[in-house]
Amino acid sequence: MLGGDQPEAVILDHDGSVDDIIALIVLLACPTRCRVAGCLVTNADCIDRDAVSCCGKVRSLFQSYASAEPFPIAVSHQPGRHAFPLEWRYDAKRMDDLPSLNVPAVLVG
C-alpha cells in the first residue's frame, strides 16, 4: 500500500501459464494489500479461452469463499510477437481442468 489504508488496485496482464494463474491466486489471497481491478489474457503463450475460463473459476472461487469483489476478465486483441507453438500452450487448459476449480459452486457459465 503506497499511500493510505486502501489496497492498491492491480490489473494482471498475463499469458495463461501456471505461474500467472498462481499470481492471480496470490493477489486475491491478499485483499488488505491489493484489489484485483481486472485481468487481461494475452493470447501469445496460451489458448485464450482456457485461460479466461480458468481465471473466471479462480475469481468465482474467491467470490464464493472469501467475498472478493468481482473484476472483469478480457482477452487482448494484440497478438504475441513470438507466440509459442500450439503444443506448448496448454498450461491454462491443464489448470482449467483441475478438479478443485470444477466444483458446482465455482463453475462459470
N, C-alpha and C. Protein backbone atom coordinates (compact mmCIF):
# COMPACT_ATOMS: atom_id res chain seq x y z
N MET A 1 0.85 -1.16 0.00
CA MET A 1 0.00 0.00 0.00
C MET A 1 0.90 1.22 0.00
N LEU A 2 0.84 1.96 -1.06
CA LEU A 2 1.74 3.09 -1.23
C LEU A 2 1.34 4.29 -0.40
N GLY A 3 0.09 4.55 -0.29
CA GLY A 3 -0.34 5.71 0.47
C GLY A 3 -1.75 5.51 0.98
N GLY A 4 -1.92 5.52 2.28
CA GLY A 4 -3.24 5.36 2.84
C GLY A 4 -3.54 3.93 3.24
N ASP A 5 -4.80 3.75 3.60
CA ASP A 5 -5.22 2.45 4.11
C ASP A 5 -5.91 1.59 3.06
N GLN A 6 -6.07 2.11 1.86
CA GLN A 6 -6.77 1.36 0.82
C GLN A 6 -5.81 0.43 0.09
N PRO A 7 -6.27 -0.77 -0.25
CA PRO A 7 -5.41 -1.68 -1.03
C PRO A 7 -5.15 -1.11 -2.43
N GLU A 8 -3.98 -1.41 -2.96
CA GLU A 8 -3.61 -0.97 -4.30
C GLU A 8 -4.43 -1.71 -5.35
N ALA A 9 -4.93 -0.98 -6.34
CA ALA A 9 -5.64 -1.61 -7.45
C ALA A 9 -4.61 -2.21 -8.41
N VAL A 10 -4.85 -3.44 -8.84
CA VAL A 10 -3.92 -4.16 -9.70
C VAL A 10 -4.68 -4.70 -10.91
N ILE A 11 -4.10 -4.53 -12.09
CA ILE A 11 -4.60 -5.19 -13.29
C ILE A 11 -3.54 -6.20 -13.69
N LEU A 12 -3.92 -7.46 -13.70
CA LEU A 12 -2.99 -8.53 -14.03
C LEU A 12 -3.07 -8.81 -15.53
N ASP A 13 -1.96 -8.60 -16.21
CA ASP A 13 -1.84 -8.89 -17.64
C ASP A 13 -0.96 -10.14 -17.74
N HIS A 14 -1.51 -11.22 -18.29
CA HIS A 14 -0.75 -12.46 -18.27
C HIS A 14 -1.00 -13.31 -19.50
N ASP A 15 -0.23 -14.40 -19.60
CA ASP A 15 -0.31 -15.27 -20.77
C ASP A 15 -0.89 -16.65 -20.46
N GLY A 16 -1.54 -16.80 -19.31
CA GLY A 16 -2.24 -18.04 -19.00
C GLY A 16 -1.38 -19.19 -18.54
N SER A 17 -0.11 -18.94 -18.25
CA SER A 17 0.73 -20.04 -17.78
C SER A 17 0.49 -20.29 -16.29
N VAL A 18 1.01 -21.38 -15.80
CA VAL A 18 0.77 -21.79 -14.42
C VAL A 18 1.19 -20.68 -13.44
N ASP A 19 2.35 -20.07 -13.65
CA ASP A 19 2.81 -19.04 -12.73
C ASP A 19 1.87 -17.83 -12.71
N ASP A 20 1.23 -17.55 -13.83
CA ASP A 20 0.31 -16.41 -13.89
C ASP A 20 -1.00 -16.71 -13.16
N ILE A 21 -1.49 -17.92 -13.27
CA ILE A 21 -2.71 -18.30 -12.53
C ILE A 21 -2.42 -18.28 -11.03
N ILE A 22 -1.24 -18.75 -10.65
CA ILE A 22 -0.85 -18.70 -9.24
C ILE A 22 -0.71 -17.25 -8.78
N ALA A 23 -0.19 -16.38 -9.64
CA ALA A 23 -0.08 -14.96 -9.30
C ALA A 23 -1.47 -14.37 -9.03
N LEU A 24 -2.46 -14.75 -9.84
CA LEU A 24 -3.83 -14.29 -9.61
C LEU A 24 -4.33 -14.77 -8.25
N ILE A 25 -4.06 -16.02 -7.92
CA ILE A 25 -4.48 -16.58 -6.63
C ILE A 25 -3.82 -15.82 -5.48
N VAL A 26 -2.53 -15.54 -5.60
CA VAL A 26 -1.81 -14.81 -4.55
C VAL A 26 -2.38 -13.40 -4.39
N LEU A 27 -2.65 -12.72 -5.50
CA LEU A 27 -3.24 -11.38 -5.42
C LEU A 27 -4.59 -11.41 -4.72
N LEU A 28 -5.43 -12.38 -5.08
CA LEU A 28 -6.75 -12.48 -4.47
C LEU A 28 -6.68 -12.89 -3.00
N ALA A 29 -5.61 -13.57 -2.63
CA ALA A 29 -5.45 -14.02 -1.24
C ALA A 29 -4.94 -12.92 -0.32
N CYS A 30 -4.63 -11.75 -0.88
CA CYS A 30 -4.09 -10.63 -0.09
C CYS A 30 -4.98 -9.39 -0.22
N PRO A 31 -6.26 -9.48 0.17
CA PRO A 31 -7.19 -8.37 -0.07
C PRO A 31 -6.88 -7.10 0.71
N THR A 32 -6.12 -7.18 1.78
CA THR A 32 -5.77 -5.96 2.51
C THR A 32 -4.62 -5.22 1.85
N ARG A 33 -3.88 -5.89 0.98
CA ARG A 33 -2.73 -5.27 0.30
C ARG A 33 -3.05 -4.85 -1.13
N CYS A 34 -3.90 -5.62 -1.81
CA CYS A 34 -4.21 -5.28 -3.20
C CYS A 34 -5.64 -5.69 -3.54
N ARG A 35 -6.16 -5.02 -4.56
CA ARG A 35 -7.51 -5.30 -5.07
C ARG A 35 -7.36 -5.54 -6.57
N VAL A 36 -7.76 -6.71 -7.02
CA VAL A 36 -7.68 -7.01 -8.45
C VAL A 36 -8.78 -6.22 -9.15
N ALA A 37 -8.37 -5.28 -9.98
CA ALA A 37 -9.31 -4.43 -10.70
C ALA A 37 -9.63 -4.98 -12.08
N GLY A 38 -8.82 -5.93 -12.54
CA GLY A 38 -9.06 -6.53 -13.85
C GLY A 38 -8.00 -7.55 -14.17
N CYS A 39 -8.30 -8.36 -15.16
CA CYS A 39 -7.41 -9.42 -15.59
C CYS A 39 -7.43 -9.45 -17.11
N LEU A 40 -6.26 -9.39 -17.72
CA LEU A 40 -6.15 -9.36 -19.17
C LEU A 40 -5.30 -10.54 -19.63
N VAL A 41 -5.83 -11.35 -20.53
CA VAL A 41 -5.13 -12.51 -21.06
C VAL A 41 -4.57 -12.15 -22.43
N THR A 42 -3.27 -12.36 -22.61
CA THR A 42 -2.62 -12.13 -23.89
C THR A 42 -2.46 -13.47 -24.59
N ASN A 43 -3.02 -13.59 -25.76
CA ASN A 43 -3.02 -14.85 -26.49
C ASN A 43 -1.72 -15.00 -27.26
N ALA A 44 -0.64 -15.22 -26.55
CA ALA A 44 0.65 -15.46 -27.19
C ALA A 44 1.21 -16.80 -26.76
N ASP A 45 1.04 -17.10 -25.49
CA ASP A 45 1.63 -18.32 -24.94
C ASP A 45 0.57 -19.22 -24.32
N CYS A 46 -0.70 -19.03 -24.70
CA CYS A 46 -1.77 -19.85 -24.14
C CYS A 46 -2.89 -19.96 -25.16
N ILE A 47 -3.86 -20.77 -24.82
CA ILE A 47 -5.12 -20.80 -25.57
C ILE A 47 -6.05 -19.91 -24.77
N ASP A 48 -6.39 -18.76 -25.31
CA ASP A 48 -7.04 -17.71 -24.53
C ASP A 48 -8.36 -18.14 -23.89
N ARG A 49 -9.18 -18.93 -24.56
CA ARG A 49 -10.47 -19.31 -23.97
C ARG A 49 -10.26 -20.15 -22.70
N ASP A 50 -9.22 -20.97 -22.67
CA ASP A 50 -8.92 -21.76 -21.48
C ASP A 50 -8.39 -20.88 -20.35
N ALA A 51 -7.56 -19.91 -20.69
CA ALA A 51 -7.03 -19.00 -19.68
C ALA A 51 -8.13 -18.14 -19.08
N VAL A 52 -9.04 -17.65 -19.91
CA VAL A 52 -10.17 -16.86 -19.41
C VAL A 52 -11.07 -17.71 -18.53
N SER A 53 -11.35 -18.93 -18.94
CA SER A 53 -12.17 -19.83 -18.15
C SER A 53 -11.53 -20.11 -16.79
N CYS A 54 -10.25 -20.39 -16.80
CA CYS A 54 -9.53 -20.67 -15.55
C CYS A 54 -9.55 -19.46 -14.63
N CYS A 55 -9.30 -18.29 -15.17
CA CYS A 55 -9.34 -17.06 -14.36
C CYS A 55 -10.74 -16.83 -13.79
N GLY A 56 -11.75 -17.09 -14.60
CA GLY A 56 -13.12 -16.94 -14.13
C GLY A 56 -13.45 -17.88 -12.99
N LYS A 57 -12.95 -19.10 -13.06
CA LYS A 57 -13.19 -20.07 -11.99
C LYS A 57 -12.46 -19.66 -10.72
N VAL A 58 -11.23 -19.17 -10.87
CA VAL A 58 -10.48 -18.69 -9.69
C VAL A 58 -11.22 -17.50 -9.08
N ARG A 59 -11.67 -16.57 -9.92
CA ARG A 59 -12.43 -15.41 -9.42
C ARG A 59 -13.68 -15.87 -8.67
N SER A 60 -14.43 -16.81 -9.26
CA SER A 60 -15.64 -17.31 -8.61
C SER A 60 -15.35 -18.00 -7.29
N LEU A 61 -14.27 -18.75 -7.26
CA LEU A 61 -13.87 -19.42 -6.02
C LEU A 61 -13.63 -18.40 -4.92
N PHE A 62 -12.90 -17.34 -5.22
CA PHE A 62 -12.62 -16.32 -4.20
C PHE A 62 -13.86 -15.51 -3.86
N GLN A 63 -14.76 -15.30 -4.82
CA GLN A 63 -16.01 -14.61 -4.52
C GLN A 63 -16.87 -15.46 -3.60
N SER A 64 -16.88 -16.77 -3.82
CA SER A 64 -17.71 -17.67 -3.01
C SER A 64 -17.20 -17.83 -1.59
N TYR A 65 -15.90 -17.96 -1.46
CA TYR A 65 -15.34 -18.31 -0.15
C TYR A 65 -14.66 -17.17 0.58
N ALA A 66 -14.30 -16.11 -0.11
CA ALA A 66 -13.59 -15.01 0.55
C ALA A 66 -14.27 -13.66 0.32
N SER A 67 -15.45 -13.67 -0.27
CA SER A 67 -16.20 -12.45 -0.55
C SER A 67 -15.39 -11.42 -1.33
N ALA A 68 -14.57 -11.90 -2.26
CA ALA A 68 -13.79 -10.99 -3.11
C ALA A 68 -14.73 -10.26 -4.07
N GLU A 69 -14.35 -9.05 -4.42
CA GLU A 69 -15.14 -8.27 -5.36
C GLU A 69 -14.95 -8.81 -6.78
N PRO A 70 -16.00 -8.78 -7.59
CA PRO A 70 -15.84 -9.23 -8.98
C PRO A 70 -14.96 -8.26 -9.76
N PHE A 71 -14.34 -8.75 -10.80
CA PHE A 71 -13.50 -7.92 -11.66
C PHE A 71 -13.63 -8.44 -13.08
N PRO A 72 -13.44 -7.57 -14.07
CA PRO A 72 -13.56 -8.01 -15.46
C PRO A 72 -12.35 -8.85 -15.90
N ILE A 73 -12.62 -9.78 -16.79
CA ILE A 73 -11.58 -10.59 -17.42
C ILE A 73 -11.75 -10.42 -18.92
N ALA A 74 -10.67 -10.09 -19.61
CA ALA A 74 -10.75 -9.83 -21.04
C ALA A 74 -9.57 -10.46 -21.76
N VAL A 75 -9.70 -10.58 -23.08
CA VAL A 75 -8.64 -11.10 -23.92
C VAL A 75 -8.08 -9.95 -24.74
N SER A 76 -6.78 -9.85 -24.77
CA SER A 76 -6.11 -8.84 -25.59
C SER A 76 -6.25 -9.22 -27.06
N HIS A 77 -6.44 -8.24 -27.89
CA HIS A 77 -6.50 -8.50 -29.33
C HIS A 77 -5.14 -8.31 -29.98
N GLN A 78 -4.15 -7.98 -29.17
CA GLN A 78 -2.79 -7.83 -29.65
C GLN A 78 -2.13 -9.20 -29.73
N PRO A 79 -1.73 -9.64 -30.90
CA PRO A 79 -1.11 -10.97 -31.00
C PRO A 79 0.30 -10.95 -30.39
N GLY A 80 0.71 -12.10 -29.92
CA GLY A 80 2.07 -12.22 -29.40
C GLY A 80 3.09 -12.08 -30.52
N ARG A 81 4.17 -11.44 -30.23
CA ARG A 81 5.19 -11.23 -31.25
C ARG A 81 5.89 -12.54 -31.64
N HIS A 82 6.19 -13.35 -30.66
CA HIS A 82 6.84 -14.64 -30.90
C HIS A 82 6.06 -15.72 -30.14
N ALA A 83 4.85 -15.97 -30.58
CA ALA A 83 3.96 -16.90 -29.88
C ALA A 83 4.55 -18.30 -29.84
N PHE A 84 4.29 -18.98 -28.73
CA PHE A 84 4.74 -20.36 -28.57
C PHE A 84 3.99 -21.27 -29.54
N PRO A 85 4.61 -22.39 -29.92
CA PRO A 85 3.89 -23.38 -30.73
C PRO A 85 2.68 -23.91 -29.93
N LEU A 86 1.67 -24.35 -30.65
CA LEU A 86 0.42 -24.77 -30.01
C LEU A 86 0.64 -25.81 -28.92
N GLU A 87 1.49 -26.80 -29.15
CA GLU A 87 1.68 -27.85 -28.16
C GLU A 87 2.32 -27.34 -26.86
N TRP A 88 2.87 -26.15 -26.85
CA TRP A 88 3.45 -25.57 -25.63
C TRP A 88 2.44 -24.69 -24.89
N ARG A 89 1.26 -24.51 -25.45
CA ARG A 89 0.33 -23.51 -24.94
C ARG A 89 -0.80 -24.09 -24.09
N TYR A 90 -0.65 -25.30 -23.58
CA TYR A 90 -1.73 -25.98 -22.89
C TYR A 90 -1.76 -25.80 -21.38
N ASP A 91 -0.90 -24.98 -20.80
CA ASP A 91 -0.90 -24.80 -19.33
C ASP A 91 -2.26 -24.35 -18.81
N ALA A 92 -2.86 -23.36 -19.46
CA ALA A 92 -4.15 -22.86 -18.98
C ALA A 92 -5.22 -23.96 -19.07
N LYS A 93 -5.17 -24.79 -20.10
CA LYS A 93 -6.12 -25.90 -20.22
C LYS A 93 -5.93 -26.88 -19.07
N ARG A 94 -4.68 -27.19 -18.75
CA ARG A 94 -4.41 -28.11 -17.65
C ARG A 94 -4.91 -27.52 -16.33
N MET A 95 -4.69 -26.23 -16.12
CA MET A 95 -5.16 -25.58 -14.89
C MET A 95 -6.69 -25.53 -14.87
N ASP A 96 -7.31 -25.24 -16.01
CA ASP A 96 -8.76 -25.15 -16.10
C ASP A 96 -9.42 -26.49 -15.79
N ASP A 97 -8.73 -27.58 -16.04
CA ASP A 97 -9.28 -28.91 -15.80
C ASP A 97 -9.06 -29.41 -14.37
N LEU A 98 -8.39 -28.65 -13.51
CA LEU A 98 -8.14 -29.10 -12.14
C LEU A 98 -9.46 -29.36 -11.41
N PRO A 99 -9.59 -30.49 -10.75
CA PRO A 99 -10.83 -30.80 -10.03
C PRO A 99 -11.23 -29.73 -9.01
N SER A 100 -10.26 -29.10 -8.37
CA SER A 100 -10.58 -28.09 -7.35
C SER A 100 -11.25 -26.85 -7.94
N LEU A 101 -11.09 -26.63 -9.23
CA LEU A 101 -11.76 -25.49 -9.87
C LEU A 101 -13.08 -25.90 -10.53
N ASN A 102 -13.38 -27.16 -10.53
CA ASN A 102 -14.55 -27.65 -11.25
C ASN A 102 -15.59 -28.25 -10.32
N VAL A 103 -15.84 -27.59 -9.22
CA VAL A 103 -16.93 -27.97 -8.33
C VAL A 103 -18.14 -27.11 -8.67
N PRO A 104 -19.34 -27.60 -8.48
CA PRO A 104 -20.53 -26.85 -8.93
C PRO A 104 -20.61 -25.41 -8.43
N ALA A 105 -20.16 -25.11 -7.22
CA ALA A 105 -20.26 -23.75 -6.71
C ALA A 105 -19.33 -22.79 -7.41
N VAL A 106 -18.34 -23.30 -8.13
CA VAL A 106 -17.32 -22.47 -8.75
C VAL A 106 -17.49 -22.34 -10.25
N LEU A 107 -18.17 -23.27 -10.88
CA LEU A 107 -18.26 -23.27 -12.33
C LEU A 107 -18.79 -21.95 -12.86
N VAL A 108 -18.14 -21.47 -13.88
CA VAL A 108 -18.51 -20.20 -14.53
C VAL A 108 -19.29 -20.52 -15.78
N GLY A 109 -20.43 -19.88 -15.96
CA GLY A 109 -21.26 -20.15 -17.12
C GLY A 109 -20.88 -19.40 -18.32
